[in-house]
Amino acid sequence: MVFAHAGHGDEFQGEKATSDAGEPIQVDPEMAKQLGIVVEPVTNRQIDVGLKTTGQIETLPSKRVEVTAPTPGKIVELLVEPGASVRAGQPVAVLAAPELVELRVSSQEKKTEAQADFRKAQADLQLAQQNLERQRQIAAADIERAKTQVNVAQERYDRDKELEESGALPRRDMLESQTQLAQAKAELAQANSQQNVLEAVNLLQRAQSDREVAKSRLNLSNATYQTRLQQLGTLANEQGMVVVTAPIAGRIANRPVTLGQSFQDAGGQLMTIVDNRKVLVTANIYEKDLDQVKQGQRVKAKVASLPKRTFTGRITIIGSLVEGETRTTPVKAELENPNGVLKPGMFAELEVLTSPTAILIVAIPSAAVVEANSKKLVYVQNGNAFLPVEVTLGQIFGDWVEVKSGLFAGDAIVTQRAPQLYAQSLRGGSKKEESEDKKETTSQANKTLSSSLPVPEWLAGAGGGVLLSTVAFSAGLLAYRRQQIKTDSNSRNPTPSSFPESTTRAEE
């Protein structure tokens, strides 16, 4: 017991096992577990220092969407209620759109006409292909016939020319043969030109062009309708029923539209979807503190409706202007918002974490401090007992508070359910007085060792020498700890390096 709390005085020992704050409370380990008591050691630590201000919760601009009517029409079905959660792409309403009905009918008429034109163009193309093939066959036959006529005329002309030169044939007959040869060559040239084939090729090309035009018209016959659907960003059935879907995941914040309501123009508000998994808090930072604030810096926030919860986030936007009257600049930070408990419009206490403390300080969770009779108390564990110790507090850093005096590094303190211990001490006061009356006949030494903690049998039954040496050792060690507290008051973390001479003699 002496070693566990050497930094404190004799408030842990024997008859004086009390402090100015009150007497210890005995709680066995099983009861402490049932009460949910959590004990943690006090440590020296660096704490994040921050700028404190107030702000207001807002919805992220990119996470708030107004769902509007994509086309003039009438609401025939509402698929979600206000406050309901929706996922992206989920149907939320059905709208009857006469405009789409007209577009669909018109597109069907155009499609029918285009299909007829396409079939006619397809048939003309087939005829043109057949005609071209036939003309090619005819041209080939004409060429062969013309070649034969040229050969016959050439032979006749050669023979008649020889006879004419020998005087056996009149010149008139030779000239006639020459004329027939020239005529045969002309017919061959005409056959080689394949004029009919060229005309057939032109007819085929025109048929192909007509077919492409008809095909394009067929494809475009439904384009106006499909383009309009793409503009609406939705699908419609043959009756012109438009299904409106949620553009983002979130909750239905409001739904002003009613069943059967009509819209003469597109853009009528149907509902608002808000995604509050992250929210924005806007606060004002004074001009003199702006140099400590940077984008991406961590922030902590608390709201009045949830005083025991702390929400974290980071700065995303720092204003570029300083307000002339207030000399402040707006700063926006994104906060994590699990379960959507932070509502737009709430006021928040915001702390911008700028830098850690320059030195190590003794700091404990704020939940470990109990306020009683204008005193700040912390319960220190000593075996199965919890002793209330009065502390002097310093700066508050979020959920942590600086301890200037009363505690030392290594002390085991109650960090959760400390108020329950204080309530237990109030209930146990009268019983304690009765037990003290019954102990008047008990020896002074035994009473000193048993008032706050159970005494081992070997110590209770030992001789006076053992008891005196133990008490002397305790007194020497405690005297040294008090001297260390005075010497190391600036660091608030006294650590014994060796025992004083009186302690050594007592131990011997």
Protein backbone atom coordinates (compact mmCIF):
# COMPACT_ATOMS: atom_id res chain seq x y z
CA MET A 1 0.00 0.00 0.00
CA VAL A 2 2.87 2.36 0.77
CA PHE A 3 4.56 1.78 -2.57
CA ALA A 4 1.29 2.12 -4.57
CA HIS A 5 0.65 5.71 -3.51
CA ALA A 6 3.97 7.06 -2.25
CA GLY A 7 3.33 10.37 -3.96
CA HIS A 8 0.45 11.20 -1.66
CA GLY A 9 0.66 11.91 2.03
CA ASP A 10 -0.46 9.56 4.81
CA GLU A 11 -4.07 9.73 3.63
CA PHE A 12 -3.77 6.14 2.42
CA GLN A 13 -2.44 4.75 5.70
CA GLY A 14 -4.03 3.38 8.85
CA GLU A 15 -6.18 5.59 11.07
CA LYS A 16 -5.57 8.55 8.78
CA ALA A 17 -6.78 6.71 5.69
CA THR A 18 -8.92 9.69 4.81
CA SER A 19 -8.44 12.95 2.95
CA ASP A 20 -9.91 16.38 3.17
CA ALA A 21 -12.27 15.30 0.39
CA GLY A 22 -13.74 12.34 2.26
CA GLU A 23 -13.16 8.76 3.32
CA PRO A 24 -12.39 5.77 1.06
CA ILE A 25 -15.13 3.59 -0.36
CA GLN A 26 -14.75 -0.17 -0.20
CA VAL A 27 -15.88 -1.91 -3.43
CA ASP A 28 -15.03 -5.55 -4.12
CA PRO A 29 -13.84 -6.35 -7.69
CA GLU A 30 -17.05 -8.13 -8.68
CA MET A 31 -19.21 -5.18 -7.63
CA ALA A 32 -16.84 -2.77 -9.43
CA LYS A 33 -17.24 -4.81 -12.58
CA GLN A 34 -21.04 -4.77 -12.30
CA LEU A 35 -21.04 -1.01 -11.76
CA GLY A 36 -18.93 -0.54 -14.89
CA ILE A 37 -16.09 1.16 -13.03
CA VAL A 38 -13.07 1.70 -15.28
CA VAL A 39 -9.66 2.42 -13.76
CA GLU A 40 -6.79 3.88 -15.80
CA PRO A 41 -3.34 5.14 -14.83
CA VAL A 42 -2.56 8.85 -14.87
CA THR A 43 0.09 9.70 -17.49
CA ASN A 44 2.03 12.69 -18.67
CA ARG A 45 0.99 13.50 -22.22
CA GLN A 46 0.91 16.09 -24.95
CA ILE A 47 -2.59 17.43 -25.55
CA ASP A 48 -3.82 19.05 -28.73
CA VAL A 49 -4.40 22.77 -28.21
CA GLY A 50 -7.22 24.34 -30.17
CA LEU A 51 -9.15 27.47 -30.98
CA LYS A 52 -12.67 27.38 -29.61
CA THR A 53 -15.60 29.00 -31.37
CA THR A 54 -19.22 28.31 -32.23
CA GLY A 55 -20.74 27.34 -35.54
CA GLN A 56 -23.87 26.12 -37.23
CA ILE A 57 -24.51 22.74 -38.84
CA GLU A 58 -25.34 22.79 -42.55
CA THR A 59 -25.91 20.24 -45.28
CA LEU A 60 -23.10 19.74 -47.76
CA PRO A 61 -24.13 21.50 -50.99
CA SER A 62 -23.30 18.42 -53.06
CA LYS A 63 -25.39 16.21 -50.76
CA ARG A 64 -28.69 18.07 -51.08
CA VAL A 65 -30.71 17.47 -54.25
CA GLU A 66 -34.07 18.79 -55.32
CA VAL A 67 -35.98 16.12 -57.27
CA THR A 68 -38.15 17.82 -59.89
CA ALA A 69 -40.72 16.79 -62.51
CA PRO A 70 -38.76 16.04 -65.71
CA THR A 71 -41.71 16.90 -67.95
CA PRO A 72 -45.19 18.42 -67.71
CA GLY A 73 -47.63 15.87 -66.37
CA LYS A 74 -49.62 14.51 -63.47
CA ILE A 75 -48.43 12.62 -60.37
CA VAL A 76 -50.07 9.19 -60.42
CA GLU A 77 -47.95 7.44 -57.76
CA LEU A 78 -45.66 8.43 -54.85
CA LEU A 79 -43.35 5.62 -53.80
CA VAL A 80 -41.59 7.12 -50.72
CA GLU A 81 -42.62 8.98 -47.57
CA PRO A 82 -40.86 11.93 -45.86
CA GLY A 83 -38.01 10.68 -43.67
CA ALA A 84 -37.54 7.46 -45.64
CA SER A 85 -34.08 6.33 -46.70
CA VAL A 86 -33.49 5.88 -50.42
CA ARG A 87 -30.60 4.60 -52.52
CA ALA A 88 -29.33 6.12 -55.73
CA GLY A 89 -31.48 5.06 -58.68
CA GLN A 90 -34.43 3.97 -56.54
CA PRO A 91 -37.88 4.87 -58.01
CA VAL A 92 -39.55 7.58 -55.96
CA ALA A 93 -42.52 8.72 -58.08
CA VAL A 94 -44.47 7.98 -61.28
CA LEU A 95 -45.59 10.80 -63.59
CA ALA A 96 -48.09 10.60 -66.47
CA ALA A 97 -46.68 12.70 -69.34
CA PRO A 98 -48.99 13.41 -72.34
CA GLU A 99 -46.04 14.95 -74.18
CA LEU A 100 -44.30 11.61 -74.28
CA VAL A 101 -47.42 9.89 -75.55
CA GLU A 102 -47.59 12.30 -78.49
CA LEU A 103 -43.90 11.88 -79.20
CA ARG A 104 -44.19 8.12 -79.14
CA VAL A 105 -47.20 8.08 -81.51
CA SER A 106 -45.44 10.44 -83.88
CA SER A 107 -42.29 8.37 -83.81
CA GLN A 108 -44.27 5.21 -84.56
CA GLU A 109 -45.88 6.85 -87.62
CA LYS A 110 -42.52 8.02 -88.91
CA LYS A 111 -41.06 4.62 -88.31
CA THR A 112 -43.79 2.93 -90.36
CA GLU A 113 -43.26 5.29 -93.31
CA ALA A 114 -39.51 4.89 -93.09
CA GLN A 115 -39.81 1.11 -93.09
CA ALA A 116 -41.90 1.23 -96.29
CA ASP A 117 -39.38 3.51 -98.00
CA PHE A 118 -36.56 1.26 -96.93
CA ARG A 119 -38.22 -1.87 -98.32
CA LYS A 120 -38.83 -0.11 -101.69
CA ALA A 121 -35.22 1.10 -101.81
CA GLN A 122 -34.04 -2.42 -101.00
CA ALA A 123 -36.09 -3.84 -103.88
CA ASP A 124 -34.82 -1.19 -106.32
CA LEU A 125 -31.28 -2.00 -105.34
CA GLN A 126 -31.79 -5.68 -106.07
CA LEU A 127 -33.22 -4.86 -109.52
CA ALA A 128 -30.32 -2.57 -110.27
CA GLN A 129 -27.85 -5.30 -109.32
CA GLN A 130 -29.60 -7.79 -111.61
CA ASN A 131 -29.73 -5.27 -114.49
CA LEU A 132 -26.01 -4.58 -114.13
CA GLU A 133 -25.22 -8.25 -114.35
CA ARG A 134 -27.39 -8.67 -117.46
CA GLN A 135 -25.87 -5.67 -119.19
CA ARG A 136 -22.40 -6.99 -118.54
CA GLN A 137 -23.30 -10.28 -120.20
CA ILE A 138 -24.80 -8.47 -123.22
CA ALA A 139 -21.77 -6.24 -123.56
CA ALA A 140 -19.45 -9.26 -123.54
CA ALA A 141 -21.45 -10.90 -126.35
CA ASP A 142 -21.48 -7.71 -128.44
CA ILE A 143 -17.71 -7.39 -128.11
CA GLU A 144 -17.16 -10.93 -129.35
CA ARG A 145 -19.50 -10.41 -132.30
CA ALA A 146 -17.85 -7.13 -133.24
CA LYS A 147 -14.40 -8.70 -133.09
CA THR A 148 -15.56 -11.46 -135.48
CA GLN A 149 -16.99 -8.91 -137.94
CA VAL A 150 -13.76 -6.94 -137.83
CA ASN A 151 -11.72 -10.07 -138.62
CA VAL A 152 -13.99 -11.02 -141.57
CA ALA A 153 -13.97 -7.48 -142.94
CA GLN A 154 -10.19 -7.32 -142.59
CA GLU A 155 -9.65 -10.52 -144.57
CA ARG A 156 -12.02 -9.38 -147.33
CA TYR A 157 -10.36 -6.03 -147.59
CA ASP A 158 -6.87 -7.58 -147.78
CA ARG A 159 -7.95 -9.93 -150.57
CA ASP A 160 -9.76 -7.26 -152.58
CA LYS A 161 -6.77 -4.94 -152.29
CA GLU A 162 -4.44 -7.56 -153.81
CA LEU A 163 -6.87 -8.26 -156.66
CA GLU A 164 -7.31 -4.55 -157.30
CA GLU A 165 -3.55 -4.05 -157.47
CA SER A 166 -3.24 -6.92 -160.00
CA GLY A 167 -6.06 -5.44 -162.07
CA ALA A 168 -8.32 -8.42 -161.51
CA LEU A 169 -10.84 -6.44 -159.38
CA PRO A 170 -12.30 -3.06 -159.98
CA ARG A 171 -11.16 -0.35 -157.52
CA ARG A 172 -14.78 0.30 -156.58
CA ASP A 173 -15.12 -3.17 -155.04
CA MET A 174 -11.91 -2.70 -153.03
CA LEU A 175 -13.17 0.59 -151.62
CA GLU A 176 -16.42 -1.06 -150.62
CA SER A 177 -14.47 -3.72 -148.68
CA GLN A 178 -12.49 -0.96 -147.02
CA THR A 179 -15.71 0.76 -145.92
CA GLN A 180 -17.10 -2.45 -144.46
CA LEU A 181 -13.87 -2.93 -142.44
CA ALA A 182 -14.10 0.56 -140.99
CA GLN A 183 -17.74 -0.02 -140.03
CA ALA A 184 -16.84 -3.29 -138.26
CA LYS A 185 -14.08 -1.54 -136.28
CA ALA A 186 -16.52 1.18 -135.21
CA GLU A 187 -18.99 -1.41 -133.97
CA LEU A 188 -16.18 -3.08 -131.99
CA ALA A 189 -15.24 0.22 -130.41
CA GLN A 190 -18.85 0.81 -129.43
CA ALA A 191 -19.11 -2.64 -127.92
CA ASN A 192 -15.92 -2.09 -125.91
CA SER A 193 -17.30 1.14 -124.45
CA GLN A 194 -20.04 -0.86 -122.56
CA GLN A 195 -22.37 2.09 -122.45
CA ASN A 196 -25.28 0.01 -121.25
CA VAL A 197 -23.12 -1.38 -118.44
CA LEU A 198 -22.18 2.10 -117.28
CA GLU A 199 -25.83 3.11 -117.22
CA ALA A 200 -26.62 0.00 -115.19
CA VAL A 201 -23.83 0.90 -112.73
CA ASN A 202 -25.30 4.37 -112.31
CA LEU A 203 -28.72 2.90 -111.64
CA LEU A 204 -27.21 0.59 -109.04
CA GLN A 205 -25.44 3.45 -107.28
CA ARG A 206 -28.66 5.50 -107.13
CA ALA A 207 -30.49 2.48 -105.69
CA GLN A 208 -27.80 2.05 -103.04
CA SER A 209 -28.03 5.73 -102.12
CA ASP A 210 -31.83 5.55 -101.88
CA ARG A 211 -31.50 2.52 -99.63
CA GLU A 212 -29.08 4.32 -97.26
CA VAL A 213 -31.39 7.33 -97.06
CA ALA A 214 -34.34 5.10 -96.26
CA LYS A 215 -32.31 3.29 -93.61
CA SER A 216 -31.24 6.56 -92.02
CA ARG A 217 -34.84 7.77 -91.93
CA LEU A 218 -35.86 4.52 -90.30
CA ASN A 219 -33.23 4.94 -87.60
CA LEU A 220 -34.17 8.57 -87.03
CA SER A 221 -37.88 7.89 -86.89
CA ASN A 222 -37.56 7.02 -83.16
CA ALA A 223 -34.66 9.35 -82.41
CA THR A 224 -36.75 12.30 -81.24
CA TYR A 225 -38.57 10.14 -78.73
CA GLN A 226 -35.41 8.47 -77.43
CA THR A 227 -33.55 11.79 -77.25
CA ARG A 228 -36.34 13.26 -75.16
CA LEU A 229 -36.18 10.31 -72.79
CA GLN A 230 -32.42 10.80 -72.45
CA GLN A 231 -32.99 14.46 -71.65
CA LEU A 232 -35.43 13.44 -68.96
CA GLY A 233 -32.93 10.95 -67.61
CA THR A 234 -35.58 8.31 -67.17
CA LEU A 235 -37.68 5.71 -68.95
CA ALA A 236 -41.30 5.73 -69.98
CA ASN A 237 -43.69 3.00 -71.03
CA GLU A 238 -46.09 3.02 -74.00
CA GLN A 239 -48.72 4.82 -71.92
CA GLY A 240 -46.32 7.70 -71.23
CA MET A 241 -45.76 6.83 -67.56
CA VAL A 242 -42.43 8.33 -66.44
CA VAL A 243 -40.60 6.74 -63.49
CA VAL A 244 -38.67 9.36 -61.49
CA THR A 245 -35.62 7.97 -59.63
CA ALA A 246 -33.45 9.25 -56.76
CA PRO A 247 -30.24 10.87 -58.07
CA ILE A 248 -28.35 10.25 -54.78
CA ALA A 249 -28.63 8.09 -51.67
CA GLY A 250 -30.02 9.76 -48.55
CA ARG A 251 -33.24 10.62 -46.75
CA ILE A 252 -36.37 12.35 -47.97
CA ALA A 253 -36.12 15.69 -46.19
CA ASN A 254 -39.46 16.98 -47.47
CA ARG A 255 -42.08 16.07 -50.07
CA PRO A 256 -44.39 18.99 -50.89
CA VAL A 257 -46.04 17.25 -53.86
CA THR A 258 -49.36 15.43 -53.45
CA LEU A 259 -50.91 12.55 -55.35
CA GLY A 260 -52.77 13.76 -58.44
CA GLN A 261 -50.97 17.09 -58.59
CA SER A 262 -50.33 18.36 -62.13
CA PHE A 263 -47.44 20.37 -63.54
CA GLN A 264 -47.91 22.58 -66.57
CA ASP A 265 -44.15 22.91 -67.05
CA ALA A 266 -41.12 20.79 -66.32
CA GLY A 267 -39.13 21.53 -63.13
CA GLY A 268 -41.88 21.36 -60.51
CA GLN A 269 -40.48 20.30 -57.12
CA LEU A 270 -41.37 16.76 -56.09
CA MET A 271 -39.14 16.22 -53.03
CA THR A 272 -35.76 16.96 -51.46
CA ILE A 273 -33.17 14.25 -50.77
CA VAL A 274 -30.40 14.96 -48.25
CA ASP A 275 -27.37 12.78 -47.55
CA ASN A 276 -26.35 13.62 -43.96
CA ARG A 277 -23.59 11.03 -43.49
CA LYS A 278 -21.31 14.06 -43.56
CA VAL A 279 -22.33 17.59 -42.65
CA LEU A 280 -20.76 21.01 -42.85
CA VAL A 281 -20.18 23.27 -39.85
CA THR A 282 -19.53 26.95 -40.47
CA ALA A 283 -17.77 29.04 -37.81
CA ASN A 284 -16.07 32.43 -37.66
CA ILE A 285 -12.37 32.73 -36.79
CA TYR A 286 -10.94 36.05 -35.61
CA GLU A 287 -8.40 37.72 -37.83
CA LYS A 288 -5.67 37.42 -35.19
CA ASP A 289 -6.04 33.61 -35.14
CA LEU A 290 -6.13 33.01 -38.89
CA ASP A 291 -2.43 32.14 -39.08
CA GLN A 292 -3.14 29.10 -36.88
CA VAL A 293 -5.85 27.71 -39.14
CA LYS A 294 -5.04 25.63 -42.22
CA GLN A 295 -7.01 23.59 -44.70
CA GLY A 296 -7.17 19.92 -43.71
CA GLN A 297 -6.75 20.72 -40.00
CA ARG A 298 -8.63 18.48 -37.55
CA VAL A 299 -11.63 19.84 -35.67
CA LYS A 300 -13.85 18.59 -32.84
CA ALA A 301 -17.45 19.60 -32.35
CA LYS A 302 -20.13 19.17 -29.71
CA VAL A 303 -23.84 19.98 -29.73
CA ALA A 304 -26.16 20.71 -26.82
CA SER A 305 -28.46 17.76 -27.51
CA LEU A 306 -25.55 15.28 -27.29
CA PRO A 307 -23.22 16.70 -24.61
CA LYS A 308 -21.30 13.44 -24.12
CA ARG A 309 -20.49 12.90 -27.80
CA THR A 310 -17.65 14.46 -29.77
CA PHE A 311 -17.74 14.66 -33.55
CA THR A 312 -14.57 14.91 -35.60
CA GLY A 313 -13.76 16.29 -39.04
CA ARG A 314 -11.40 18.45 -41.05
CA ILE A 315 -11.41 22.01 -42.38
CA THR A 316 -12.29 22.11 -46.09
CA ILE A 317 -12.83 25.81 -46.81
CA ILE A 318 -11.23 28.95 -45.38
CA GLY A 319 -12.90 32.19 -46.39
CA SER A 320 -10.94 34.68 -48.49
CA LEU A 321 -12.39 37.84 -46.92
CA VAL A 322 -12.37 39.33 -43.41
CA GLU A 323 -15.66 40.85 -42.28
CA GLY A 324 -15.17 44.56 -41.70
CA GLU A 325 -17.21 44.89 -38.50
CA THR A 326 -16.50 41.60 -36.74
CA ARG A 327 -12.95 41.10 -38.08
CA THR A 328 -13.69 37.41 -38.60
CA THR A 329 -13.40 34.99 -41.50
CA PRO A 330 -15.81 32.12 -42.08
CA VAL A 331 -14.28 28.65 -41.91
CA LYS A 332 -16.10 25.49 -43.00
CA ALA A 333 -15.31 21.96 -41.86
CA GLU A 334 -16.76 18.59 -42.83
CA LEU A 335 -17.89 16.48 -39.87
CA GLU A 336 -18.56 12.77 -39.71
CA ASN A 337 -22.23 12.30 -38.85
CA PRO A 338 -22.92 8.67 -37.94
CA ASN A 339 -26.64 7.80 -37.86
CA GLY A 340 -27.47 11.33 -38.99
CA VAL A 341 -27.74 12.71 -35.44
CA LEU A 342 -26.40 16.13 -36.46
CA LYS A 343 -29.25 18.11 -37.98
CA PRO A 344 -28.90 21.17 -40.23
CA GLY A 345 -29.52 24.32 -38.20
CA MET A 346 -28.01 22.98 -34.95
CA PHE A 347 -25.47 25.16 -33.14
CA ALA A 348 -22.16 23.49 -32.32
CA GLU A 349 -19.19 24.22 -30.08
CA LEU A 350 -16.23 23.91 -32.42
CA GLU A 351 -12.59 23.40 -31.51
CA VAL A 352 -9.93 23.73 -34.20
CA LEU A 353 -6.94 21.61 -33.15
CA THR A 354 -3.93 23.76 -33.98
CA SER A 355 -0.90 22.21 -32.22
CA PRO A 356 -0.04 19.94 -29.26
CA THR A 357 1.17 21.31 -25.94
CA ALA A 358 4.86 22.20 -25.86
CA ILE A 359 5.60 20.05 -22.78
CA LEU A 360 4.19 16.92 -21.19
CA ILE A 361 1.43 17.68 -18.69
CA VAL A 362 -0.63 15.60 -16.29
CA ALA A 363 -4.03 15.28 -17.96
CA ILE A 364 -7.04 13.08 -17.24
CA PRO A 365 -10.41 12.51 -18.93
CA SER A 366 -13.01 15.07 -17.92
CA ALA A 367 -15.36 12.21 -16.99
CA ALA A 368 -13.05 11.30 -14.10
CA VAL A 369 -13.76 14.57 -12.26
CA VAL A 370 -16.66 14.83 -9.80
CA GLU A 371 -17.76 18.20 -8.44
CA ALA A 372 -18.88 18.08 -4.80
CA ASN A 373 -19.29 20.99 -2.38
CA SER A 374 -17.37 23.33 -4.72
CA LYS A 375 -14.50 20.87 -4.85
CA LYS A 376 -13.10 18.92 -7.78
CA LEU A 377 -12.67 15.29 -6.76
CA VAL A 378 -11.01 12.31 -8.44
CA TYR A 379 -11.23 8.77 -7.06
CA VAL A 380 -7.84 7.02 -6.69
CA GLN A 381 -7.80 3.24 -6.39
CA ASN A 382 -5.90 1.60 -3.53
CA GLY A 383 -6.58 -2.13 -3.43
CA ASN A 384 -10.35 -2.56 -3.14
CA ALA A 385 -10.77 0.99 -1.86
CA PHE A 386 -11.35 4.20 -3.78
CA LEU A 387 -10.21 7.39 -2.07
CA PRO A 388 -11.58 10.77 -3.17
CA VAL A 389 -8.69 13.19 -3.80
CA GLU A 390 -9.20 16.90 -4.28
CA VAL A 391 -7.47 18.20 -7.42
CA THR A 392 -6.71 21.59 -8.89
CA LEU A 393 -7.54 21.73 -12.58
CA GLY A 394 -5.99 23.80 -15.36
CA GLN A 395 -6.84 24.13 -19.03
CA ILE A 396 -9.54 22.06 -20.71
CA PHE A 397 -8.62 20.34 -24.01
CA GLY A 398 -11.77 18.81 -25.43
CA ASP A 399 -12.47 15.66 -23.40
CA TRP A 400 -9.25 16.09 -21.38
CA VAL A 401 -8.41 18.43 -18.53
CA GLU A 402 -5.06 19.44 -17.09
CA VAL A 403 -4.37 18.57 -13.42
CA LYS A 404 -2.12 21.10 -11.69
CA SER A 405 -2.06 19.42 -8.28
CA GLY A 406 -3.49 16.45 -6.41
CA LEU A 407 -2.49 13.63 -8.79
CA PHE A 408 0.76 12.11 -9.98
CA ALA A 409 1.74 10.05 -12.98
CA GLY A 410 1.02 6.39 -12.24
CA ASP A 411 -2.00 6.97 -9.98
CA ALA A 412 -4.82 4.58 -10.82
CA ILE A 413 -7.96 6.71 -11.11
CA VAL A 414 -11.58 5.99 -11.94
CA THR A 415 -12.30 7.33 -15.45
CA GLN A 416 -15.83 5.99 -15.79
CA ARG A 417 -18.71 5.87 -13.25
CA ALA A 418 -16.99 8.20 -10.81
CA PRO A 419 -20.33 9.96 -9.98
CA GLN A 420 -21.71 6.58 -8.84
CA LEU A 421 -18.87 6.25 -6.36
CA TYR A 422 -19.61 9.70 -5.00
CA ALA A 423 -23.29 8.80 -4.62
CA GLN A 424 -22.25 5.62 -2.79
CA SER A 425 -20.15 7.66 -0.35
CA LEU A 426 -23.17 9.83 0.47
CA ARG A 427 -25.33 6.79 1.19
CA GLY A 428 -22.71 5.14 3.40
CA GLY A 429 -22.10 8.01 5.86
CA SER A 430 -24.40 6.99 8.77
CA LYS A 431 -23.27 3.37 8.72
CA LYS A 432 -19.67 4.48 9.02
CA GLU A 433 -20.34 6.38 12.30
CA GLU A 434 -21.91 3.32 13.89
CA SER A 435 -18.97 1.12 12.97
CA GLU A 436 -16.53 3.61 14.52
CA ASP A 437 -18.35 3.45 17.90
CA LYS A 438 -17.99 -0.33 17.93
CA LYS A 439 -14.22 -0.12 17.36
CA GLU A 440 -13.38 1.94 20.48
CA THR A 441 -12.03 -1.12 22.33
CA THR A 442 -9.77 -2.09 19.44
CA SER A 443 -6.03 -1.46 19.82
CA GLN A 444 -4.63 1.72 18.22
CA ALA A 445 -2.21 -0.16 15.93
CA ASN A 446 -4.81 -2.59 14.58
CA LYS A 447 -7.37 0.21 14.10
CA THR A 448 -4.80 2.24 12.12
CA LEU A 449 -4.18 -0.62 9.67
CA SER A 450 -7.81 -1.75 9.24
CA SER A 451 -9.90 1.43 8.87
CA SER A 452 -9.61 1.61 5.06
CA LEU A 453 -7.97 -1.60 3.84
CA PRO A 454 -7.95 -5.23 4.99
CA VAL A 455 -4.82 -6.08 7.03
CA PRO A 456 -2.86 -9.27 6.28
CA GLU A 457 -2.85 -11.78 9.15
CA TRP A 458 0.92 -11.92 9.28
CA LEU A 459 1.07 -8.19 9.93
CA ALA A 460 -1.76 -8.11 12.46
CA GLY A 461 -0.22 -10.88 14.45
CA ALA A 462 3.35 -9.71 14.31
CA GLY A 463 5.23 -8.29 17.23
CA GLY A 464 5.65 -4.64 18.01
CA GLY A 465 9.09 -4.52 16.40
CA VAL A 466 7.76 -5.49 13.00
CA LEU A 467 4.92 -2.98 13.27
CA LEU A 468 7.21 -0.17 14.37
CA SER A 469 9.70 -0.85 11.57
CA THR A 470 6.91 -0.85 8.96
CA VAL A 471 5.44 2.40 10.24
CA ALA A 472 8.89 3.99 10.40
CA PHE A 473 9.62 2.93 6.83
CA SER A 474 6.28 4.39 5.66
CA ALA A 475 6.85 7.64 7.49
CA GLY A 476 10.32 8.06 5.98
CA LEU A 477 9.15 7.33 2.44
CA LEU A 478 6.17 9.66 2.72
CA ALA A 479 8.35 12.46 4.07
CA TYR A 480 10.64 12.05 1.09
CA ARG A 481 7.66 12.12 -1.36
CA ARG A 482 6.40 15.38 0.17
CA GLN A 483 9.86 16.89 -0.30
CA GLN A 484 9.91 15.68 -3.93
CA ILE A 485 6.51 17.29 -4.57
CA LYS A 486 7.87 20.66 -3.43
CA THR A 487 11.08 20.28 -5.41
CA ASP A 488 9.41 19.15 -8.66
CA SER A 489 6.27 21.29 -8.47
CA ASN A 490 6.91 22.72 -11.93
CA SER A 491 6.89 19.32 -13.65
CA ARG A 492 4.10 17.96 -11.42
CA ASN A 493 5.58 14.51 -11.89
CA PRO A 494 7.87 13.62 -8.95
CA THR A 495 9.74 10.36 -9.40
CA PRO A 496 11.80 9.05 -6.50
CA SER A 497 15.35 8.22 -7.50
CA SER A 498 16.58 6.99 -4.12
CA PHE A 499 15.41 6.71 -0.52
CA PRO A 500 16.51 9.27 2.11
CA GLU A 501 18.82 8.35 4.95
CA SER A 502 16.00 8.08 7.49
CA THR A 503 14.21 5.60 5.26
CA THR A 504 17.32 3.46 4.93
CA ARG A 505 17.83 3.39 8.69
CA ALA A 506 14.19 2.48 9.24
CA GLU A 507 14.46 -0.31 6.72
CA GLU A 508 17.57 -1.66 8.42
